N, C-alpha and C. Protein backbone atom coordinates (compact mmCIF):
# COMPACT_ATOMS: atom_id res chain seq x y z
N UNK A 1 0.99 -25.05 -15.00
CA UNK A 1 1.59 -25.69 -13.83
C UNK A 1 0.62 -25.60 -12.65
N UNK A 2 0.47 -26.67 -11.92
CA UNK A 2 -0.45 -26.71 -10.79
C UNK A 2 0.15 -26.01 -9.58
N UNK A 3 -0.60 -25.06 -9.05
CA UNK A 3 -0.20 -24.36 -7.82
C UNK A 3 -1.16 -24.81 -6.71
N UNK A 4 -0.65 -25.42 -5.64
CA UNK A 4 -1.55 -25.79 -4.55
C UNK A 4 -2.15 -24.54 -3.93
N UNK A 5 -3.38 -24.67 -3.45
CA UNK A 5 -4.02 -23.50 -2.85
C UNK A 5 -3.30 -23.12 -1.55
N UNK A 6 -3.29 -21.83 -1.30
CA UNK A 6 -2.63 -21.30 -0.12
C UNK A 6 -3.70 -20.96 0.90
N UNK A 7 -3.58 -21.45 2.15
CA UNK A 7 -4.57 -21.07 3.16
C UNK A 7 -4.59 -19.55 3.31
N UNK A 8 -5.77 -18.96 3.17
CA UNK A 8 -5.92 -17.51 3.20
C UNK A 8 -7.06 -17.13 4.13
N UNK A 9 -6.89 -16.00 4.80
CA UNK A 9 -7.91 -15.51 5.71
C UNK A 9 -8.17 -14.03 5.42
N UNK A 10 -9.42 -13.64 5.54
CA UNK A 10 -9.79 -12.24 5.38
C UNK A 10 -9.31 -11.46 6.61
N UNK A 11 -8.98 -10.20 6.41
CA UNK A 11 -8.47 -9.37 7.49
C UNK A 11 -9.42 -9.36 8.69
N UNK A 12 -10.72 -9.41 8.44
CA UNK A 12 -11.70 -9.38 9.53
C UNK A 12 -11.64 -10.63 10.41
N UNK A 13 -11.06 -11.70 9.89
CA UNK A 13 -10.98 -12.96 10.64
C UNK A 13 -9.65 -13.14 11.38
N UNK A 14 -8.76 -12.14 11.31
CA UNK A 14 -7.48 -12.23 12.02
C UNK A 14 -7.73 -11.83 13.47
N UNK A 15 -7.53 -12.76 14.42
CA UNK A 15 -7.79 -12.43 15.83
C UNK A 15 -6.86 -11.33 16.34
N UNK A 16 -7.33 -10.59 17.32
CA UNK A 16 -6.55 -9.50 17.90
C UNK A 16 -5.23 -10.00 18.48
N UNK A 17 -5.22 -11.25 18.98
CA UNK A 17 -4.00 -11.80 19.60
C UNK A 17 -3.22 -12.70 18.64
N UNK A 18 -3.50 -12.60 17.34
CA UNK A 18 -2.82 -13.44 16.34
C UNK A 18 -1.33 -13.13 16.31
N UNK A 19 -0.53 -14.14 16.01
CA UNK A 19 0.90 -13.94 15.80
C UNK A 19 1.06 -13.59 14.32
N UNK A 20 1.43 -12.33 14.08
CA UNK A 20 1.52 -11.81 12.72
C UNK A 20 2.98 -11.77 12.29
N UNK A 21 3.27 -12.39 11.16
CA UNK A 21 4.62 -12.41 10.59
C UNK A 21 4.61 -11.50 9.37
N UNK A 22 5.37 -10.41 9.44
CA UNK A 22 5.45 -9.43 8.36
C UNK A 22 6.69 -9.73 7.53
N UNK A 23 6.51 -10.03 6.24
CA UNK A 23 7.63 -10.42 5.38
C UNK A 23 8.02 -9.32 4.39
N UNK A 24 7.56 -8.09 4.64
CA UNK A 24 7.93 -6.97 3.78
C UNK A 24 9.38 -6.56 4.04
N UNK A 25 9.93 -5.77 3.15
CA UNK A 25 11.31 -5.31 3.30
C UNK A 25 11.39 -4.20 4.35
N UNK A 26 12.61 -3.89 4.78
CA UNK A 26 12.82 -2.97 5.89
C UNK A 26 12.17 -1.60 5.69
N UNK A 27 12.27 -1.04 4.48
CA UNK A 27 11.69 0.29 4.25
C UNK A 27 10.17 0.26 4.37
N UNK A 28 9.54 -0.83 3.95
CA UNK A 28 8.10 -0.96 4.08
C UNK A 28 7.71 -1.08 5.55
N UNK A 29 8.48 -1.87 6.30
CA UNK A 29 8.26 -2.06 7.73
C UNK A 29 8.39 -0.72 8.46
N UNK A 30 9.44 0.03 8.14
CA UNK A 30 9.68 1.32 8.79
C UNK A 30 8.53 2.30 8.58
N UNK A 31 7.90 2.22 7.42
CA UNK A 31 6.81 3.15 7.10
C UNK A 31 5.56 2.89 7.93
N UNK A 32 5.39 1.67 8.43
CA UNK A 32 4.25 1.34 9.27
C UNK A 32 3.97 -0.14 9.29
N UNK A 33 3.72 -0.66 10.50
CA UNK A 33 3.46 -2.10 10.66
C UNK A 33 2.55 -2.33 11.86
N UNK A 34 2.03 -3.53 11.94
CA UNK A 34 1.23 -3.90 13.11
C UNK A 34 2.16 -3.97 14.32
N UNK A 35 1.71 -3.43 15.44
CA UNK A 35 2.58 -3.27 16.60
C UNK A 35 3.23 -4.58 17.07
N UNK A 36 2.47 -5.64 17.15
CA UNK A 36 3.01 -6.89 17.71
C UNK A 36 3.60 -7.82 16.65
N UNK A 37 3.69 -7.36 15.42
CA UNK A 37 4.18 -8.23 14.33
C UNK A 37 5.65 -8.58 14.51
N UNK A 38 6.01 -9.76 14.01
CA UNK A 38 7.40 -10.21 13.93
C UNK A 38 7.86 -9.90 12.51
N UNK A 39 9.02 -9.27 12.38
CA UNK A 39 9.49 -8.85 11.06
C UNK A 39 10.65 -9.71 10.59
N UNK A 40 10.41 -10.48 9.53
CA UNK A 40 11.46 -11.23 8.85
C UNK A 40 11.22 -11.03 7.36
N UNK A 41 11.99 -10.14 6.71
CA UNK A 41 11.78 -9.89 5.28
C UNK A 41 11.89 -11.17 4.45
N UNK A 42 11.07 -11.27 3.42
CA UNK A 42 11.08 -12.45 2.56
C UNK A 42 12.49 -12.71 2.01
N UNK A 43 13.23 -11.65 1.71
CA UNK A 43 14.56 -11.81 1.14
C UNK A 43 15.54 -12.46 2.12
N UNK A 44 15.21 -12.48 3.41
CA UNK A 44 16.07 -13.08 4.44
C UNK A 44 15.40 -14.29 5.09
N UNK A 45 14.24 -14.68 4.59
CA UNK A 45 13.40 -15.63 5.29
C UNK A 45 14.06 -16.98 5.57
N UNK A 46 14.62 -17.60 4.55
CA UNK A 46 15.21 -18.94 4.74
C UNK A 46 16.36 -18.88 5.73
N UNK A 47 17.19 -17.85 5.64
CA UNK A 47 18.34 -17.71 6.55
C UNK A 47 17.91 -17.46 8.00
N UNK A 48 16.73 -16.86 8.18
CA UNK A 48 16.27 -16.48 9.52
C UNK A 48 15.09 -17.32 10.01
N UNK A 49 14.84 -18.46 9.38
CA UNK A 49 13.67 -19.26 9.72
C UNK A 49 13.68 -19.71 11.19
N UNK A 50 14.86 -19.81 11.77
CA UNK A 50 14.97 -20.18 13.18
C UNK A 50 14.39 -19.13 14.12
N UNK A 51 14.14 -17.93 13.63
CA UNK A 51 13.58 -16.86 14.45
C UNK A 51 12.05 -16.87 14.49
N UNK A 52 11.44 -17.80 13.75
CA UNK A 52 9.98 -17.85 13.71
C UNK A 52 9.41 -18.17 15.08
N UNK A 53 8.33 -17.50 15.45
CA UNK A 53 7.65 -17.86 16.70
C UNK A 53 7.08 -19.27 16.60
N UNK A 54 6.94 -19.93 17.73
CA UNK A 54 6.40 -21.29 17.76
C UNK A 54 4.89 -21.31 17.58
N UNK A 55 4.24 -20.18 17.76
CA UNK A 55 2.78 -20.11 17.71
C UNK A 55 2.24 -20.61 16.38
N UNK A 56 1.08 -21.24 16.44
CA UNK A 56 0.41 -21.67 15.22
C UNK A 56 -1.07 -21.39 15.35
N UNK A 57 -1.71 -20.93 14.32
CA UNK A 57 -1.08 -20.66 13.03
C UNK A 57 -0.36 -19.31 13.04
N UNK A 58 0.57 -19.17 12.12
CA UNK A 58 1.20 -17.88 11.87
C UNK A 58 0.37 -17.17 10.82
N UNK A 59 0.04 -15.92 11.06
CA UNK A 59 -0.68 -15.11 10.09
C UNK A 59 0.38 -14.29 9.36
N UNK A 60 0.56 -14.55 8.07
CA UNK A 60 1.65 -13.96 7.30
C UNK A 60 1.11 -12.82 6.44
N UNK A 61 1.83 -11.68 6.49
CA UNK A 61 1.36 -10.48 5.80
C UNK A 61 2.51 -9.83 5.04
N UNK A 62 2.18 -9.24 3.89
CA UNK A 62 3.12 -8.40 3.15
C UNK A 62 2.33 -7.16 2.74
N UNK A 63 2.65 -6.54 1.64
CA UNK A 63 1.93 -5.32 1.25
C UNK A 63 0.52 -5.63 0.75
N UNK A 64 0.40 -6.57 -0.21
CA UNK A 64 -0.91 -6.89 -0.76
C UNK A 64 -1.26 -8.38 -0.72
N UNK A 65 -0.30 -9.25 -0.42
CA UNK A 65 -0.60 -10.67 -0.28
C UNK A 65 0.18 -11.61 -1.16
N UNK A 66 0.97 -11.11 -2.11
CA UNK A 66 1.72 -11.99 -3.01
C UNK A 66 2.92 -12.65 -2.35
N UNK A 67 3.77 -11.86 -1.72
CA UNK A 67 4.95 -12.43 -1.06
C UNK A 67 4.56 -13.28 0.12
N UNK A 68 3.57 -12.84 0.87
CA UNK A 68 3.14 -13.62 2.03
C UNK A 68 2.56 -14.96 1.59
N UNK A 69 1.89 -15.00 0.45
CA UNK A 69 1.36 -16.27 -0.06
C UNK A 69 2.50 -17.24 -0.35
N UNK A 70 3.59 -16.74 -0.91
CA UNK A 70 4.75 -17.59 -1.18
C UNK A 70 5.35 -18.14 0.11
N UNK A 71 5.44 -17.28 1.13
CA UNK A 71 5.99 -17.71 2.42
C UNK A 71 5.07 -18.73 3.07
N UNK A 72 3.77 -18.51 3.01
CA UNK A 72 2.82 -19.49 3.57
C UNK A 72 2.96 -20.83 2.86
N UNK A 73 3.07 -20.80 1.55
CA UNK A 73 3.24 -22.04 0.78
C UNK A 73 4.49 -22.79 1.26
N UNK A 74 5.58 -22.07 1.47
CA UNK A 74 6.82 -22.66 1.95
C UNK A 74 6.64 -23.23 3.36
N UNK A 75 6.03 -22.46 4.25
CA UNK A 75 5.84 -22.92 5.63
C UNK A 75 4.96 -24.17 5.69
N UNK A 76 3.89 -24.18 4.92
CA UNK A 76 3.00 -25.35 4.90
C UNK A 76 3.76 -26.58 4.39
N UNK A 77 4.62 -26.39 3.38
CA UNK A 77 5.43 -27.49 2.87
C UNK A 77 6.41 -28.00 3.93
N UNK A 78 6.78 -27.14 4.88
CA UNK A 78 7.68 -27.52 5.97
C UNK A 78 6.92 -28.10 7.17
N UNK A 79 5.59 -28.20 7.04
CA UNK A 79 4.78 -28.78 8.11
C UNK A 79 4.29 -27.79 9.14
N UNK A 80 4.43 -26.50 8.87
CA UNK A 80 3.96 -25.47 9.80
C UNK A 80 2.53 -25.07 9.45
N UNK A 81 1.82 -24.58 10.44
CA UNK A 81 0.48 -24.05 10.22
C UNK A 81 0.61 -22.55 9.99
N UNK A 82 0.23 -22.09 8.80
CA UNK A 82 0.34 -20.68 8.45
C UNK A 82 -0.78 -20.31 7.50
N UNK A 83 -1.21 -19.05 7.58
CA UNK A 83 -2.25 -18.55 6.69
C UNK A 83 -1.84 -17.19 6.14
N UNK A 84 -2.22 -16.96 4.90
CA UNK A 84 -1.94 -15.70 4.24
C UNK A 84 -3.05 -14.70 4.59
N UNK A 85 -2.66 -13.48 4.97
CA UNK A 85 -3.64 -12.43 5.25
C UNK A 85 -4.00 -11.76 3.92
N UNK A 86 -5.22 -12.01 3.46
CA UNK A 86 -5.67 -11.53 2.16
C UNK A 86 -5.65 -10.00 2.12
N UNK A 87 -5.00 -9.44 1.12
CA UNK A 87 -4.94 -7.99 0.97
C UNK A 87 -3.79 -7.33 1.69
N UNK A 88 -3.08 -8.09 2.53
CA UNK A 88 -1.89 -7.59 3.19
C UNK A 88 -2.11 -6.35 4.05
N UNK A 89 -1.03 -5.57 4.17
CA UNK A 89 -1.07 -4.38 5.01
C UNK A 89 -1.99 -3.30 4.44
N UNK A 90 -2.22 -3.32 3.13
CA UNK A 90 -3.19 -2.36 2.57
C UNK A 90 -4.58 -2.64 3.13
N UNK A 91 -4.95 -3.91 3.21
CA UNK A 91 -6.25 -4.29 3.78
C UNK A 91 -6.26 -4.03 5.29
N UNK A 92 -5.12 -4.26 5.95
CA UNK A 92 -5.00 -4.01 7.39
C UNK A 92 -5.32 -2.54 7.67
N UNK A 93 -4.69 -1.65 6.91
CA UNK A 93 -4.94 -0.21 7.07
C UNK A 93 -6.39 0.13 6.75
N UNK A 94 -6.90 -0.39 5.63
CA UNK A 94 -8.27 -0.09 5.20
C UNK A 94 -9.30 -0.53 6.23
N UNK A 95 -8.98 -1.60 6.97
CA UNK A 95 -9.88 -2.11 8.00
C UNK A 95 -9.79 -1.30 9.29
N UNK A 96 -8.87 -0.34 9.33
CA UNK A 96 -8.73 0.49 10.53
C UNK A 96 -7.95 -0.15 11.65
N UNK A 97 -7.17 -1.19 11.31
CA UNK A 97 -6.34 -1.83 12.34
C UNK A 97 -5.16 -0.92 12.67
N UNK A 98 -4.71 -0.98 13.92
CA UNK A 98 -3.63 -0.09 14.37
C UNK A 98 -2.31 -0.41 13.67
N UNK A 99 -1.61 0.65 13.34
CA UNK A 99 -0.29 0.56 12.72
C UNK A 99 0.64 1.49 13.50
N UNK A 100 1.88 1.06 13.67
CA UNK A 100 2.89 1.92 14.30
C UNK A 100 4.00 2.19 13.31
N UNK A 101 4.60 3.36 13.43
CA UNK A 101 5.73 3.70 12.57
C UNK A 101 6.99 3.13 13.21
N UNK A 102 8.12 3.29 12.52
CA UNK A 102 9.38 2.77 13.02
C UNK A 102 9.72 3.32 14.41
N UNK A 103 9.30 4.54 14.69
CA UNK A 103 9.56 5.14 15.99
C UNK A 103 8.60 4.67 17.07
N UNK A 104 7.67 3.79 16.72
CA UNK A 104 6.74 3.26 17.70
C UNK A 104 5.48 4.10 17.85
N UNK A 105 5.33 5.15 17.04
CA UNK A 105 4.17 6.05 17.10
C UNK A 105 2.96 5.32 16.51
N UNK A 106 1.90 5.21 17.29
CA UNK A 106 0.69 4.55 16.80
C UNK A 106 -0.14 5.51 15.98
N UNK A 107 -0.73 4.99 14.92
CA UNK A 107 -1.66 5.78 14.11
C UNK A 107 -2.63 4.84 13.43
N UNK A 108 -3.76 5.36 13.10
CA UNK A 108 -4.74 4.60 12.32
C UNK A 108 -4.83 5.29 10.97
N UNK A 109 -4.61 4.56 9.92
CA UNK A 109 -4.61 5.14 8.57
C UNK A 109 -6.02 5.54 8.17
């Protein structure tokens, strides 16, 4: 079956002021996320699509990039500009990008 390519960007190319959409589940989010990220779990995505920021492109992230790729594919089909963050939050951490815990405590992994 043909799968259209998903726009993807390396973590190093994500601008500091990018609008980051985190589609991981609540427990993953609570464990650590990018401070300015918008959180809409993939399992609730269609029901909460009205909460998406207007900014384009949206940089979509999950743990390693699989779920975010699916969300990007959906958004692109809806006419939105979105890109998948290659490697997800694991790559975000590995690159030394700031992460905050659910309590708002900043840390660098």
